[in-house]
Amino acid sequence: MSEAIPTKWIPYPSDSPFPHTSRMDAQTDILKRGLEHAALAVMEASALANLHLGPKRIGRGLAQRVSGRLRILETIVRRLILLMALGLQLAPTQPRPAPANPAPEPDLPEGVELAIFPRLSPRRLTLLPARQAFEGPGGFPDISGTSYGPVSPHKLMARIAALRRVIAAPEAHATRLARTLKRLQKNGEPKPVVGAATPAFRLSPELGALATLLPAQISMGLETWESSG
């Protein structure tokens, strides 16, 4: 009688030498995937009006369509960053070092002056609008009005750039927001208001499902707001 060939041994999870994936790690992975889908949707919104080509004017109806998509994406990205911030454990902040003495300015030839230009700061996606519901527009006005004809796409381009900056560095923005939330808790401020789910199925099924889950997940993360300040 021949010896039976042993089947391949598959270890149980408790036998595996590798650390288990925690619930927090799984949630972080879901959030990062959500940001990836949001980045694709931002590209699609930009391509809808060929904004990557830098047009000077686009149709008003097309601009309103792109603006509506961006408004949904802004809400989703804000909520994703908020959920990431609620899951962070912040280390004690270290005191900032004293600023170094500024270097002396070089001497200029007689009659020569430095040209000083106003600083042009890029538009930023407000992650926690003041005195507004969390999913509010955050300083991004919709293109509206009773006038007709083509409109400038510059505001849409600025909103797209702001979304891309947040999506490109979600950890940094989540850490900054977590510090803001901690400061608000310490000062006894009310917790952020999160409304109903934003319908996003027209963008993609993944974003639609994620948008449906986010409000409940954030509400769970804010349950201990009053007792943890």
C-alpha atoms as a PDB file:
ATOM      1  CA  MET A   1       0.000   0.000   0.000  1.00  0.00           C
ATOM      2  CA  SER A   2       1.540   3.221  -1.108  1.00  0.00           C
ATOM      3  CA  GLU A   3       1.899   6.081   1.311  1.00  0.00           C
ATOM      4  CA  ALA A   4      -0.735   8.768   0.921  1.00  0.00           C
ATOM      5  CA  ILE A   5       0.495  12.063  -0.431  1.00  0.00           C
ATOM      6  CA  PRO A   6      -0.141  14.745   2.219  1.00  0.00           C
ATOM      7  CA  THR A   7      -2.236  17.675   1.173  1.00  0.00           C
ATOM      8  CA  LYS A   8      -0.734  21.126   1.240  1.00  0.00           C
ATOM      9  CA  TRP A   9      -0.843  22.547   4.771  1.00  0.00           C
ATOM     10  CA  ILE A  10      -2.667  25.849   5.082  1.00  0.00           C
ATOM     11  CA  PRO A  11      -2.137  27.533   8.429  1.00  0.00           C
ATOM     12  CA  TYR A  12      -4.975  28.961  10.437  1.00  0.00           C
ATOM     13  CA  PRO A  13      -4.886  32.738  10.957  1.00  0.00           C
ATOM     14  CA  SER A  14      -3.609  32.218  14.503  1.00  0.00           C
ATOM     15  CA  ASP A  15      -0.762  30.087  13.156  1.00  0.00           C
ATOM     16  CA  SER A  16       0.399  32.649  10.640  1.00  0.00           C
ATOM     17  CA  PRO A  17       3.641  34.448  11.495  1.00  0.00           C
ATOM     18  CA  PHE A  18       2.314  37.619   9.849  1.00  0.00           C
ATOM     19  CA  PRO A  19       0.347  40.159  11.873  1.00  0.00           C
ATOM     20  CA  HIS A  20      -3.392  40.158  11.343  1.00  0.00           C
ATOM     21  CA  THR A  21      -5.077  42.978   9.469  1.00  0.00           C
ATOM     22  CA  SER A  22      -6.913  45.010  12.085  1.00  0.00           C
ATOM     23  CA  ARG A  23     -10.273  46.600  11.583  1.00  0.00           C
ATOM     24  CA  MET A  24      -8.596  49.998  11.458  1.00  0.00           C
ATOM     25  CA  ASP A  25      -6.231  48.841   8.719  1.00  0.00           C
ATOM     26  CA  ALA A  26      -9.175  47.505   6.722  1.00  0.00           C
ATOM     27  CA  GLN A  27     -11.027  50.788   7.111  1.00  0.00           C
ATOM     28  CA  THR A  28      -7.940  52.744   6.075  1.00  0.00           C
ATOM     29  CA  ASP A  29      -7.660  50.598   2.955  1.00  0.00           C
ATOM     30  CA  ILE A  30     -11.314  51.270   2.100  1.00  0.00           C
ATOM     31  CA  LEU A  31     -10.819  55.003   2.568  1.00  0.00           C
ATOM     32  CA  LYS A  32      -7.756  55.042   0.337  1.00  0.00           C
ATOM     33  CA  ARG A  33      -9.638  53.103  -2.337  1.00  0.00           C
ATOM     34  CA  GLY A  34     -12.437  55.632  -2.046  1.00  0.00           C
ATOM     35  CA  LEU A  35      -9.976  58.445  -2.650  1.00  0.00           C
ATOM     36  CA  GLU A  36      -8.643  56.587  -5.687  1.00  0.00           C
ATOM     37  CA  HIS A  37     -12.151  56.369  -7.143  1.00  0.00           C
ATOM     38  CA  ALA A  38     -12.674  60.041  -6.318  1.00  0.00           C
ATOM     39  CA  ALA A  39      -9.464  60.928  -8.178  1.00  0.00           C
ATOM     40  CA  LEU A  40     -10.732  59.086 -11.260  1.00  0.00           C
ATOM     41  CA  ALA A  41     -14.051  60.895 -11.016  1.00  0.00           C
ATOM     42  CA  VAL A  42     -12.241  64.247 -10.814  1.00  0.00           C
ATOM     43  CA  MET A  43     -10.357  63.375 -14.006  1.00  0.00           C
ATOM     44  CA  GLU A  44     -13.613  62.435 -15.699  1.00  0.00           C
ATOM     45  CA  ALA A  45     -15.227  65.717 -14.630  1.00  0.00           C
ATOM     46  CA  SER A  46     -12.259  67.619 -16.025  1.00  0.00           C
ATOM     47  CA  ALA A  47     -12.380  65.684 -19.293  1.00  0.00           C
ATOM     48  CA  LEU A  48     -16.107  66.349 -19.608  1.00  0.00           C
ATOM     49  CA  ALA A  49     -15.334  69.977 -20.476  1.00  0.00           C
ATOM     50  CA  ASN A  50     -11.769  69.405 -21.736  1.00  0.00           C
ATOM     51  CA  LEU A  51     -10.487  71.535 -18.883  1.00  0.00           C
ATOM     52  CA  HIS A  52      -7.080  69.862 -19.145  1.00  0.00           C
ATOM     53  CA  LEU A  53      -6.686  71.708 -22.458  1.00  0.00           C
ATOM     54  CA  GLY A  54      -7.079  75.074 -20.729  1.00  0.00           C
ATOM     55  CA  PRO A  55     -10.086  76.513 -22.575  1.00  0.00           C
ATOM     56  CA  LYS A  56     -10.840  80.179 -22.014  1.00  0.00           C
ATOM     57  CA  ARG A  57     -14.635  79.775 -22.216  1.00  0.00           C
ATOM     58  CA  ILE A  58     -17.052  76.864 -21.990  1.00  0.00           C
ATOM     59  CA  GLY A  59     -20.802  76.558 -22.312  1.00  0.00           C
ATOM     60  CA  ARG A  60     -22.841  77.573 -19.251  1.00  0.00           C
ATOM     61  CA  GLY A  61     -24.837  74.352 -19.199  1.00  0.00           C
ATOM     62  CA  LEU A  62     -21.659  72.274 -19.382  1.00  0.00           C
ATOM     63  CA  ALA A  63     -20.104  74.346 -16.604  1.00  0.00           C
ATOM     64  CA  GLN A  64     -23.123  73.735 -14.369  1.00  0.00           C
ATOM     65  CA  ARG A  65     -22.913  70.009 -15.071  1.00  0.00           C
ATOM     66  CA  VAL A  66     -19.227  69.874 -14.135  1.00  0.00           C
ATOM     67  CA  SER A  67     -19.878  72.033 -11.072  1.00  0.00           C
ATOM     68  CA  GLY A  68     -22.565  69.628  -9.878  1.00  0.00           C
ATOM     69  CA  ARG A  69     -20.206  66.674 -10.144  1.00  0.00           C
ATOM     70  CA  LEU A  70     -17.459  68.540  -8.322  1.00  0.00           C
ATOM     71  CA  ARG A  71     -19.856  69.486  -5.533  1.00  0.00           C
ATOM     72  CA  ILE A  72     -20.611  65.786  -4.940  1.00  0.00           C
ATOM     73  CA  LEU A  73     -16.918  64.897  -5.036  1.00  0.00           C
ATOM     74  CA  GLU A  74     -16.017  67.711  -2.635  1.00  0.00           C
ATOM     75  CA  THR A  75     -18.542  66.346  -0.145  1.00  0.00           C
ATOM     76  CA  ILE A  76     -17.245  62.783  -0.479  1.00  0.00           C
ATOM     77  CA  VAL A  77     -13.595  63.798  -0.149  1.00  0.00           C
ATOM     78  CA  ARG A  78     -14.353  65.951   2.914  1.00  0.00           C
ATOM     79  CA  ARG A  79     -16.127  63.037   4.563  1.00  0.00           C
ATOM     80  CA  LEU A  80     -13.331  60.608   3.708  1.00  0.00           C
ATOM     81  CA  ILE A  81     -10.735  62.922   5.245  1.00  0.00           C
ATOM     82  CA  LEU A  82     -12.950  63.455   8.297  1.00  0.00           C
ATOM     83  CA  LEU A  83     -13.301  59.713   8.814  1.00  0.00           C
ATOM     84  CA  MET A  84      -9.539  59.316   8.491  1.00  0.00           C
ATOM     85  CA  ALA A  85      -9.016  62.121  11.019  1.00  0.00           C
ATOM     86  CA  LEU A  86     -11.400  60.522  13.529  1.00  0.00           C
ATOM     87  CA  GLY A  87      -9.348  57.328  13.455  1.00  0.00           C
ATOM     88  CA  LEU A  88      -5.989  58.987  14.142  1.00  0.00           C
ATOM     89  CA  GLN A  89      -4.203  58.881  17.488  1.00  0.00           C
ATOM     90  CA  LEU A  90      -2.321  62.145  17.729  1.00  0.00           C
ATOM     91  CA  ALA A  91       1.008  62.299  19.495  1.00  0.00           C
ATOM     92  CA  PRO A  92       1.631  65.218  21.875  1.00  0.00           C
ATOM     93  CA  THR A  93       2.689  68.256  19.905  1.00  0.00           C
ATOM     94  CA  GLN A  94       6.239  69.426  20.429  1.00  0.00           C
ATOM     95  CA  PRO A  95       6.897  73.127  21.046  1.00  0.00           C
ATOM     96  CA  ARG A  96       7.987  74.930  17.946  1.00  0.00           C
ATOM     97  CA  PRO A  97      11.604  76.115  17.913  1.00  0.00           C
ATOM     98  CA  ALA A  98      12.219  79.816  18.015  1.00  0.00           C
ATOM     99  CA  PRO A  99      12.491  81.314  14.523  1.00  0.00           C
ATOM    100  CA  ALA A 100      16.002  81.883  13.333  1.00  0.00           C
ATOM    101  CA  ASN A 101      17.227  85.422  12.787  1.00  0.00           C
ATOM    102  CA  PRO A 102      16.506  86.458   9.199  1.00  0.00           C
ATOM    103  CA  ALA A 103      19.517  86.652   6.954  1.00  0.00           C
ATOM    104  CA  PRO A 104      20.564  90.203   6.069  1.00  0.00           C
ATOM    105  CA  GLU A 105      19.364  91.313   2.677  1.00  0.00           C
ATOM    106  CA  PRO A 106      22.106  91.816   0.113  1.00  0.00           C
ATOM    107  CA  ASP A 107      23.022  95.335  -0.810  1.00  0.00           C
ATOM    108  CA  LEU A 108      21.619  96.455  -4.137  1.00  0.00           C
ATOM    109  CA  PRO A 109      23.226  98.871  -6.564  1.00  0.00           C
ATOM    110  CA  GLU A 110      22.137 102.460  -6.179  1.00  0.00           C
ATOM    111  CA  GLY A 111      18.829 103.156  -7.906  1.00  0.00           C
ATOM    112  CA  VAL A 112      17.753  99.477  -7.960  1.00  0.00           C
ATOM    113  CA  GLU A 113      14.716  98.363  -5.971  1.00  0.00           C
ATOM    114  CA  LEU A 114      13.208  94.940  -5.403  1.00  0.00           C
ATOM    115  CA  ALA A 115       9.928  94.351  -7.191  1.00  0.00           C
ATOM    116  CA  ILE A 116       7.339  93.107  -4.660  1.00  0.00           C
ATOM    117  CA  PHE A 117       4.435  91.141  -6.082  1.00  0.00           C
ATOM    118  CA  PRO A 118       1.274  90.232  -4.171  1.00  0.00           C
ATOM    119  CA  ARG A 119       1.297  86.611  -3.074  1.00  0.00           C
ATOM    120  CA  LEU A 120      -1.154  84.544  -5.084  1.00  0.00           C
ATOM    121  CA  SER A 121      -2.414  81.739  -2.844  1.00  0.00           C
ATOM    122  CA  PRO A 122      -4.140  78.801  -4.562  1.00  0.00           C
ATOM    123  CA  ARG A 123      -7.714  77.954  -3.695  1.00  0.00           C
ATOM    124  CA  ARG A 124      -7.982  75.331  -0.953  1.00  0.00           C
ATOM    125  CA  LEU A 125     -10.663  72.793  -0.216  1.00  0.00           C
ATOM    126  CA  THR A 126     -12.061  73.804   3.176  1.00  0.00           C
ATOM    127  CA  LEU A 127     -12.238  70.547   5.105  1.00  0.00           C
ATOM    128  CA  LEU A 128     -14.248  71.947   8.006  1.00  0.00           C
ATOM    129  CA  PRO A 129     -16.288  74.996   6.963  1.00  0.00           C
ATOM    130  CA  ALA A 130     -16.999  77.353   9.854  1.00  0.00           C
ATOM    131  CA  ARG A 131     -20.621  77.487  11.097  1.00  0.00           C
ATOM    132  CA  GLN A 132     -21.781  75.235   8.279  1.00  0.00           C
ATOM    133  CA  ALA A 133     -22.802  71.661   7.854  1.00  0.00           C
ATOM    134  CA  PHE A 134     -19.736  69.546   7.151  1.00  0.00           C
ATOM    135  CA  GLU A 135     -20.754  68.864   3.558  1.00  0.00           C
ATOM    136  CA  GLY A 136     -21.320  72.558   2.774  1.00  0.00           C
ATOM    137  CA  PRO A 137     -19.833  74.220  -0.302  1.00  0.00           C
ATOM    138  CA  GLY A 138     -16.825  75.486   1.677  1.00  0.00           C
ATOM    139  CA  GLY A 139     -16.253  78.614  -0.361  1.00  0.00           C
ATOM    140  CA  PHE A 140     -16.799  77.067  -3.772  1.00  0.00           C
ATOM    141  CA  PRO A 141     -19.714  78.990  -5.318  1.00  0.00           C
ATOM    142  CA  ASP A 142     -21.751  77.308  -8.001  1.00  0.00           C
ATOM    143  CA  ILE A 143     -21.902  78.884 -11.417  1.00  0.00           C
ATOM    144  CA  SER A 144     -25.366  80.390 -11.556  1.00  0.00           C
ATOM    145  CA  GLY A 145     -27.201  83.436 -12.725  1.00  0.00           C
ATOM    146  CA  THR A 146     -29.660  84.572 -15.323  1.00  0.00           C
ATOM    147  CA  SER A 147     -27.115  85.543 -17.974  1.00  0.00           C
ATOM    148  CA  TYR A 148     -26.554  83.407 -21.036  1.00  0.00           C
ATOM    149  CA  GLY A 149     -23.621  82.363 -23.144  1.00  0.00           C
ATOM    150  CA  PRO A 150     -20.199  80.844 -22.407  1.00  0.00           C
ATOM    151  CA  VAL A 151     -18.538  81.317 -19.032  1.00  0.00           C
ATOM    152  CA  SER A 152     -14.990  81.218 -17.720  1.00  0.00           C
ATOM    153  CA  PRO A 153     -13.884  77.780 -16.428  1.00  0.00           C
ATOM    154  CA  HIS A 154     -11.230  79.204 -14.059  1.00  0.00           C
ATOM    155  CA  LYS A 155     -13.262  78.550 -10.895  1.00  0.00           C
ATOM    156  CA  LEU A 156     -13.867  74.968 -11.952  1.00  0.00           C
ATOM    157  CA  MET A 157     -10.155  74.510 -12.605  1.00  0.00           C
ATOM    158  CA  ALA A 158      -9.328  75.911  -9.164  1.00  0.00           C
ATOM    159  CA  ARG A 159     -11.771  73.499  -7.505  1.00  0.00           C
ATOM    160  CA  ILE A 160     -10.277  70.568  -9.396  1.00  0.00           C
ATOM    161  CA  ALA A 161      -6.769  71.604  -8.356  1.00  0.00           C
ATOM    162  CA  ALA A 162      -7.878  71.866  -4.715  1.00  0.00           C
ATOM    163  CA  LEU A 163      -9.421  68.393  -4.803  1.00  0.00           C
ATOM    164  CA  ARG A 164      -6.292  66.932  -6.356  1.00  0.00           C
ATOM    165  CA  ARG A 165      -4.081  68.428  -3.659  1.00  0.00           C
ATOM    166  CA  VAL A 166      -6.161  66.828  -0.911  1.00  0.00           C
ATOM    167  CA  ILE A 167      -6.363  63.459  -2.667  1.00  0.00           C
ATOM    168  CA  ALA A 168      -2.600  63.495  -3.295  1.00  0.00           C
ATOM    169  CA  ALA A 169      -1.773  63.918   0.417  1.00  0.00           C
ATOM    170  CA  PRO A 170      -4.720  62.561   2.439  1.00  0.00           C
ATOM    171  CA  GLU A 171      -2.675  61.660   5.536  1.00  0.00           C
ATOM    172  CA  ALA A 172      -1.332  65.188   5.929  1.00  0.00           C
ATOM    173  CA  HIS A 173      -4.783  66.727   5.547  1.00  0.00           C
ATOM    174  CA  ALA A 174      -6.321  64.175   7.916  1.00  0.00           C
ATOM    175  CA  THR A 175      -3.674  64.917  10.548  1.00  0.00           C
ATOM    176  CA  ARG A 176      -4.271  68.648  10.237  1.00  0.00           C
ATOM    177  CA  LEU A 177      -8.023  68.126  10.519  1.00  0.00           C
ATOM    178  CA  ALA A 178      -7.577  65.807  13.511  1.00  0.00           C
ATOM    179  CA  ARG A 179      -5.693  68.573  15.340  1.00  0.00           C
ATOM    180  CA  THR A 180      -8.480  71.011  14.495  1.00  0.00           C
ATOM    181  CA  LEU A 181     -11.106  68.592  15.819  1.00  0.00           C
ATOM    182  CA  LYS A 182      -9.115  68.060  18.999  1.00  0.00           C
ATOM    183  CA  ARG A 183      -8.902  71.802  19.551  1.00  0.00           C
ATOM    184  CA  LEU A 184     -12.645  72.197  18.985  1.00  0.00           C
ATOM    185  CA  GLN A 185     -13.378  69.419  21.486  1.00  0.00           C
ATOM    186  CA  LYS A 186     -11.100  70.997  24.059  1.00  0.00           C
ATOM    187  CA  ASN A 187     -12.884  74.324  23.659  1.00  0.00           C
ATOM    188  CA  GLY A 188     -16.294  72.699  24.098  1.00  0.00           C
ATOM    189  CA  GLU A 189     -17.431  73.398  20.543  1.00  0.00           C
ATOM    190  CA  PRO A 190     -20.312  71.363  19.070  1.00  0.00           C
ATOM    191  CA  LYS A 191     -19.366  68.432  16.901  1.00  0.00           C
ATOM    192  CA  PRO A 192     -19.484  68.754  13.099  1.00  0.00           C
ATOM    193  CA  VAL A 193     -22.855  68.255  11.456  1.00  0.00           C
ATOM    194  CA  VAL A 194     -23.040  65.552   8.806  1.00  0.00           C
ATOM    195  CA  GLY A 195     -26.159  65.383   6.677  1.00  0.00           C
ATOM    196  CA  ALA A 196     -27.686  62.610   4.641  1.00  0.00           C
ATOM    197  CA  ALA A 197     -25.792  60.581   2.082  1.00  0.00           C
ATOM    198  CA  THR A 198     -24.874  62.338  -1.141  1.00  0.00           C
ATOM    199  CA  PRO A 199     -26.174  60.504  -4.225  1.00  0.00           C
ATOM    200  CA  ALA A 200     -23.106  59.599  -6.254  1.00  0.00           C
ATOM    201  CA  PHE A 201     -24.187  56.539  -8.246  1.00  0.00           C
ATOM    202  CA  ARG A 202     -24.152  58.613 -11.422  1.00  0.00           C
ATOM    203  CA  LEU A 203     -20.381  58.946 -10.944  1.00  0.00           C
ATOM    204  CA  SER A 204     -19.640  55.268 -10.276  1.00  0.00           C
ATOM    205  CA  PRO A 205     -21.196  52.375  -8.320  1.00  0.00           C
ATOM    206  CA  GLU A 206     -18.177  52.371  -5.976  1.00  0.00           C
ATOM    207  CA  LEU A 207     -18.562  56.036  -5.080  1.00  0.00           C
ATOM    208  CA  GLY A 208     -22.314  55.637  -4.760  1.00  0.00           C
ATOM    209  CA  ALA A 209     -21.951  52.804  -2.263  1.00  0.00           C
ATOM    210  CA  LEU A 210     -19.237  54.652  -0.356  1.00  0.00           C
ATOM    211  CA  ALA A 211     -21.271  57.869  -0.186  1.00  0.00           C
ATOM    212  CA  THR A 212     -24.146  55.872   1.304  1.00  0.00           C
ATOM    213  CA  LEU A 213     -21.959  54.422   4.078  1.00  0.00           C
ATOM    214  CA  LEU A 214     -19.998  57.521   5.068  1.00  0.00           C
ATOM    215  CA  PRO A 215     -22.617  59.403   7.165  1.00  0.00           C
ATOM    216  CA  ALA A 216     -23.241  56.416   9.448  1.00  0.00           C
ATOM    217  CA  GLN A 217     -19.508  55.739   9.829  1.00  0.00           C
ATOM    218  CA  ILE A 218     -18.806  59.366  10.721  1.00  0.00           C
ATOM    219  CA  SER A 219     -21.672  59.468  13.202  1.00  0.00           C
ATOM    220  CA  MET A 220     -20.187  56.441  14.955  1.00  0.00           C
ATOM    221  CA  GLY A 221     -16.806  58.164  15.095  1.00  0.00           C
ATOM    222  CA  LEU A 222     -18.365  61.269  16.668  1.00  0.00           C
ATOM    223  CA  GLU A 223     -20.372  59.434  19.345  1.00  0.00           C
ATOM    224  CA  THR A 224     -17.836  60.227  22.080  1.00  0.00           C
ATOM    225  CA  TRP A 225     -17.380  63.872  21.094  1.00  0.00           C
ATOM    226  CA  GLU A 226     -18.826  65.384  24.281  1.00  0.00           C
ATOM    227  CA  SER A 227     -17.019  62.964  26.608  1.00  0.00           C
ATOM    228  CA  SER A 228     -13.570  63.048  24.991  1.00  0.00           C
ATOM    229  CA  GLY A 229     -12.853  66.739  24.834  1.00  0.00           C
END
